[in-house]
Each structure stands twice: as structure tokens, then as C-alpha cells.
Amino acid sequence: MSHIVTVQDAVTAFADFMEPTAAELDAIEREMPVILADVDLLDAQIITLDRTPSELDTQRVRRARRRLLAARRELANHAAGASLPGGAA
């Protein structure tokens, strides 16, 4: 006879203490422009998967890549400016 038992990880996986902290939510909020720009780039690349990219497709991917790089640059500059002593940016 086999016993039926619960899996402890599955029971505690959604416990209240597993919610994201305020600091983690703030970090996600700061990174949201990068996340959205990355999604836009993926969308532009997915469009071109099943066909030969047209000039418009190429421009769309190029624009999305530039937006992603700009968003990453802004995040990096913001993070570097926040860590300087005295509030200097």
C-alpha cells in the first residue's frame, strides 16, 4: 500500500512570505523601460522569421534595437548616478 503525501515545496511555493519585497518591485519598475524595449525588439524579430525581411522590417528591427540600447544606457546611467556619494550624477 502506498501512502499519499503532499509535496512540501508545492504547498509552500505560494506562501505569503514569497511575495516580492518593495525593493524588488521598485527594481522591476526601474527596469520596465528596458523590458518593454526588449519585447518590442523580439516582436520585430519574430515578424521577420517566416519571410524575407523587407526594408520596412529592417528599419523596424533597427529602430527597436536602438530603443533597447537607449533604455539600457538610461538604466545604467541612472544606476551609476544613484551610487555616487553626495548625490552627484
N, C-alpha and C. Protein backbone atom coordinates (compact mmCIF):
# COMPACT_ATOMS: atom_id res chain seq x y z
N MET A 1 0.83 -1.16 0.00
CA MET A 1 0.00 0.00 0.00
C MET A 1 0.89 1.25 0.00
N SER A 2 0.63 2.17 -0.90
CA SER A 2 1.42 3.39 -0.95
C SER A 2 0.65 4.53 -0.29
N HIS A 3 1.38 5.35 0.40
CA HIS A 3 0.77 6.48 1.11
C HIS A 3 0.78 7.71 0.22
N ILE A 4 -0.26 8.49 0.35
CA ILE A 4 -0.34 9.75 -0.40
C ILE A 4 0.14 10.85 0.53
N VAL A 5 1.17 11.58 0.08
CA VAL A 5 1.71 12.67 0.89
C VAL A 5 1.76 13.93 0.04
N THR A 6 1.78 15.06 0.68
CA THR A 6 1.91 16.32 -0.05
C THR A 6 3.37 16.65 -0.26
N VAL A 7 3.63 17.33 -1.30
CA VAL A 7 4.98 17.78 -1.59
C VAL A 7 5.15 19.13 -0.90
N GLN A 8 6.09 19.23 0.00
CA GLN A 8 6.25 20.43 0.81
C GLN A 8 6.51 21.67 -0.06
N ASP A 9 7.34 21.55 -1.11
CA ASP A 9 7.64 22.70 -1.95
C ASP A 9 6.39 23.23 -2.64
N ALA A 10 5.54 22.34 -3.09
CA ALA A 10 4.32 22.78 -3.77
C ALA A 10 3.37 23.47 -2.81
N VAL A 11 3.34 23.04 -1.57
CA VAL A 11 2.44 23.64 -0.59
C VAL A 11 2.93 25.03 -0.19
N THR A 12 4.24 25.19 -0.02
CA THR A 12 4.78 26.47 0.45
C THR A 12 5.23 27.38 -0.68
N ALA A 13 5.08 26.96 -1.92
CA ALA A 13 5.57 27.77 -3.03
C ALA A 13 4.84 29.10 -3.14
N PHE A 14 3.62 29.16 -2.69
CA PHE A 14 2.84 30.39 -2.82
C PHE A 14 2.50 30.99 -1.46
N ALA A 15 3.37 30.79 -0.51
CA ALA A 15 3.15 31.33 0.83
C ALA A 15 3.32 32.85 0.80
N ASP A 16 2.77 33.52 1.80
CA ASP A 16 2.81 34.99 1.84
C ASP A 16 4.22 35.54 1.87
N PHE A 17 5.13 34.84 2.52
CA PHE A 17 6.49 35.35 2.61
C PHE A 17 7.24 35.27 1.29
N MET A 18 6.67 34.64 0.30
CA MET A 18 7.32 34.51 -1.01
C MET A 18 6.98 35.67 -1.95
N GLU A 19 6.16 36.62 -1.50
CA GLU A 19 5.81 37.77 -2.33
C GLU A 19 7.04 38.65 -2.52
N PRO A 20 7.11 39.38 -3.64
CA PRO A 20 8.25 40.27 -3.85
C PRO A 20 8.23 41.42 -2.83
N THR A 21 9.41 41.81 -2.43
CA THR A 21 9.53 42.91 -1.47
C THR A 21 9.34 44.23 -2.20
N ALA A 22 9.20 45.30 -1.44
CA ALA A 22 9.06 46.63 -2.03
C ALA A 22 10.30 46.99 -2.85
N ALA A 23 11.47 46.60 -2.38
CA ALA A 23 12.71 46.88 -3.11
C ALA A 23 12.74 46.13 -4.44
N GLU A 24 12.28 44.89 -4.44
CA GLU A 24 12.24 44.12 -5.69
C GLU A 24 11.24 44.72 -6.67
N LEU A 25 10.09 45.17 -6.18
CA LEU A 25 9.11 45.80 -7.05
C LEU A 25 9.64 47.12 -7.61
N ASP A 26 10.38 47.87 -6.80
CA ASP A 26 10.99 49.11 -7.28
C ASP A 26 12.02 48.82 -8.37
N ALA A 27 12.80 47.75 -8.19
CA ALA A 27 13.79 47.38 -9.20
C ALA A 27 13.12 46.99 -10.51
N ILE A 28 12.02 46.27 -10.42
CA ILE A 28 11.28 45.90 -11.63
C ILE A 28 10.73 47.15 -12.31
N GLU A 29 10.23 48.08 -11.52
CA GLU A 29 9.69 49.32 -12.08
C GLU A 29 10.78 50.13 -12.79
N ARG A 30 11.99 50.16 -12.20
CA ARG A 30 13.10 50.87 -12.84
C ARG A 30 13.51 50.20 -14.14
N GLU A 31 13.43 48.88 -14.20
CA GLU A 31 13.85 48.13 -15.38
C GLU A 31 12.74 47.99 -16.42
N MET A 32 11.54 48.45 -16.14
CA MET A 32 10.42 48.26 -17.05
C MET A 32 10.66 48.85 -18.44
N PRO A 33 11.26 50.05 -18.60
CA PRO A 33 11.53 50.52 -19.97
C PRO A 33 12.42 49.57 -20.77
N VAL A 34 13.39 48.96 -20.11
CA VAL A 34 14.28 48.00 -20.79
C VAL A 34 13.49 46.75 -21.16
N ILE A 35 12.65 46.29 -20.27
CA ILE A 35 11.84 45.10 -20.54
C ILE A 35 10.91 45.33 -21.72
N LEU A 36 10.25 46.48 -21.74
CA LEU A 36 9.32 46.78 -22.83
C LEU A 36 10.06 46.96 -24.16
N ALA A 37 11.23 47.61 -24.12
CA ALA A 37 12.02 47.76 -25.35
C ALA A 37 12.50 46.41 -25.86
N ASP A 38 12.85 45.52 -24.95
CA ASP A 38 13.27 44.17 -25.33
C ASP A 38 12.12 43.40 -25.97
N VAL A 39 10.92 43.56 -25.43
CA VAL A 39 9.74 42.91 -26.02
C VAL A 39 9.48 43.46 -27.42
N ASP A 40 9.63 44.77 -27.60
CA ASP A 40 9.43 45.37 -28.92
C ASP A 40 10.44 44.82 -29.93
N LEU A 41 11.69 44.66 -29.51
CA LEU A 41 12.70 44.10 -30.39
C LEU A 41 12.36 42.66 -30.75
N LEU A 42 11.95 41.87 -29.77
CA LEU A 42 11.57 40.49 -30.05
C LEU A 42 10.39 40.42 -31.01
N ASP A 43 9.41 41.30 -30.82
CA ASP A 43 8.26 41.34 -31.74
C ASP A 43 8.71 41.64 -33.16
N ALA A 44 9.60 42.62 -33.30
CA ALA A 44 10.10 42.97 -34.63
C ALA A 44 10.87 41.82 -35.25
N GLN A 45 11.64 41.10 -34.46
CA GLN A 45 12.40 39.96 -34.97
C GLN A 45 11.49 38.78 -35.31
N ILE A 46 10.47 38.56 -34.52
CA ILE A 46 9.54 37.45 -34.77
C ILE A 46 8.80 37.66 -36.08
N ILE A 47 8.45 38.91 -36.37
CA ILE A 47 7.75 39.22 -37.62
C ILE A 47 8.55 38.75 -38.83
N THR A 48 9.86 38.84 -38.74
CA THR A 48 10.72 38.52 -39.89
C THR A 48 11.14 37.06 -39.96
N LEU A 49 10.70 36.23 -39.04
CA LEU A 49 11.15 34.84 -39.02
C LEU A 49 10.69 34.02 -40.21
N ASP A 50 9.48 34.19 -40.64
CA ASP A 50 8.93 33.30 -41.66
C ASP A 50 8.90 33.92 -43.06
N ARG A 51 9.62 35.01 -43.24
CA ARG A 51 9.66 35.64 -44.57
C ARG A 51 10.96 36.40 -44.74
N THR A 52 11.22 36.77 -45.96
CA THR A 52 12.39 37.59 -46.24
C THR A 52 12.10 39.01 -45.75
N PRO A 53 12.94 39.55 -44.89
CA PRO A 53 12.66 40.88 -44.35
C PRO A 53 12.66 41.95 -45.44
N SER A 54 11.65 42.79 -45.42
CA SER A 54 11.59 43.91 -46.34
C SER A 54 12.39 45.07 -45.74
N GLU A 55 12.48 46.16 -46.48
CA GLU A 55 13.19 47.34 -45.98
C GLU A 55 12.49 47.88 -44.73
N LEU A 56 11.17 47.83 -44.72
CA LEU A 56 10.41 48.29 -43.55
C LEU A 56 10.70 47.40 -42.33
N ASP A 57 10.78 46.09 -42.54
CA ASP A 57 11.10 45.17 -41.45
C ASP A 57 12.50 45.46 -40.90
N THR A 58 13.44 45.70 -41.80
CA THR A 58 14.81 46.01 -41.38
C THR A 58 14.85 47.28 -40.56
N GLN A 59 14.11 48.30 -41.00
CA GLN A 59 14.06 49.56 -40.25
C GLN A 59 13.41 49.35 -38.89
N ARG A 60 12.35 48.54 -38.84
CA ARG A 60 11.65 48.28 -37.58
C ARG A 60 12.58 47.60 -36.58
N VAL A 61 13.35 46.62 -37.03
CA VAL A 61 14.29 45.92 -36.14
C VAL A 61 15.38 46.88 -35.69
N ARG A 62 15.89 47.67 -36.62
CA ARG A 62 16.95 48.62 -36.29
C ARG A 62 16.47 49.66 -35.27
N ARG A 63 15.27 50.19 -35.46
CA ARG A 63 14.70 51.15 -34.51
C ARG A 63 14.49 50.52 -33.13
N ALA A 64 13.97 49.30 -33.12
CA ALA A 64 13.73 48.60 -31.86
C ALA A 64 15.05 48.34 -31.14
N ARG A 65 16.09 47.98 -31.89
CA ARG A 65 17.40 47.74 -31.28
C ARG A 65 17.96 49.03 -30.68
N ARG A 66 17.78 50.16 -31.39
CA ARG A 66 18.26 51.45 -30.87
C ARG A 66 17.50 51.85 -29.62
N ARG A 67 16.18 51.61 -29.60
CA ARG A 67 15.39 51.92 -28.40
C ARG A 67 15.83 51.07 -27.22
N LEU A 68 16.13 49.80 -27.46
CA LEU A 68 16.60 48.93 -26.39
C LEU A 68 17.94 49.40 -25.86
N LEU A 69 18.86 49.74 -26.74
CA LEU A 69 20.17 50.22 -26.30
C LEU A 69 20.04 51.53 -25.52
N ALA A 70 19.16 52.42 -25.97
CA ALA A 70 18.94 53.68 -25.25
C ALA A 70 18.35 53.42 -23.87
N ALA A 71 17.42 52.51 -23.78
CA ALA A 71 16.81 52.19 -22.48
C ALA A 71 17.85 51.56 -21.55
N ARG A 72 18.69 50.69 -22.07
CA ARG A 72 19.75 50.09 -21.25
C ARG A 72 20.75 51.15 -20.79
N ARG A 73 21.08 52.08 -21.70
CA ARG A 73 22.01 53.15 -21.35
C ARG A 73 21.43 54.03 -20.23
N GLU A 74 20.14 54.38 -20.36
CA GLU A 74 19.50 55.19 -19.34
C GLU A 74 19.49 54.47 -17.99
N LEU A 75 19.20 53.19 -18.00
CA LEU A 75 19.19 52.42 -16.75
C LEU A 75 20.59 52.36 -16.14
N ALA A 76 21.59 52.14 -16.97
CA ALA A 76 22.96 52.07 -16.47
C ALA A 76 23.41 53.43 -15.92
N ASN A 77 23.07 54.51 -16.63
CA ASN A 77 23.45 55.84 -16.17
C ASN A 77 22.72 56.19 -14.87
N HIS A 78 21.46 55.81 -14.78
CA HIS A 78 20.69 56.09 -13.56
C HIS A 78 21.27 55.31 -12.38
N ALA A 79 21.63 54.05 -12.62
CA ALA A 79 22.19 53.23 -11.55
C ALA A 79 23.57 53.76 -11.12
N ALA A 80 24.36 54.20 -12.08
CA ALA A 80 25.69 54.73 -11.76
C ALA A 80 25.55 56.07 -11.03
N GLY A 81 24.61 56.89 -11.44
CA GLY A 81 24.40 58.19 -10.78
C GLY A 81 23.86 58.03 -9.39
N ALA A 82 23.06 57.03 -9.14
CA ALA A 82 22.47 56.82 -7.82
C ALA A 82 23.52 56.33 -6.82
N SER A 83 24.59 55.72 -7.31
CA SER A 83 25.58 55.16 -6.37
C SER A 83 26.70 56.14 -6.05
N LEU A 84 26.71 57.31 -6.68
CA LEU A 84 27.76 58.29 -6.38
C LEU A 84 27.49 58.94 -5.04
N PRO A 85 28.53 59.17 -4.24
CA PRO A 85 28.34 59.83 -2.95
C PRO A 85 28.03 61.31 -3.14
N GLY A 86 27.24 61.85 -2.27
CA GLY A 86 26.92 63.28 -2.31
C GLY A 86 25.84 63.62 -3.29
N GLY A 87 25.25 62.65 -3.96
CA GLY A 87 24.18 62.92 -4.90
C GLY A 87 24.63 63.44 -6.24
N ALA A 88 25.93 63.46 -6.50
CA ALA A 88 26.43 63.93 -7.79
C ALA A 88 26.13 62.92 -8.86
N ALA A 89 25.74 63.41 -10.02
CA ALA A 89 25.40 62.48 -11.11
C ALA A 89 26.34 62.64 -12.26
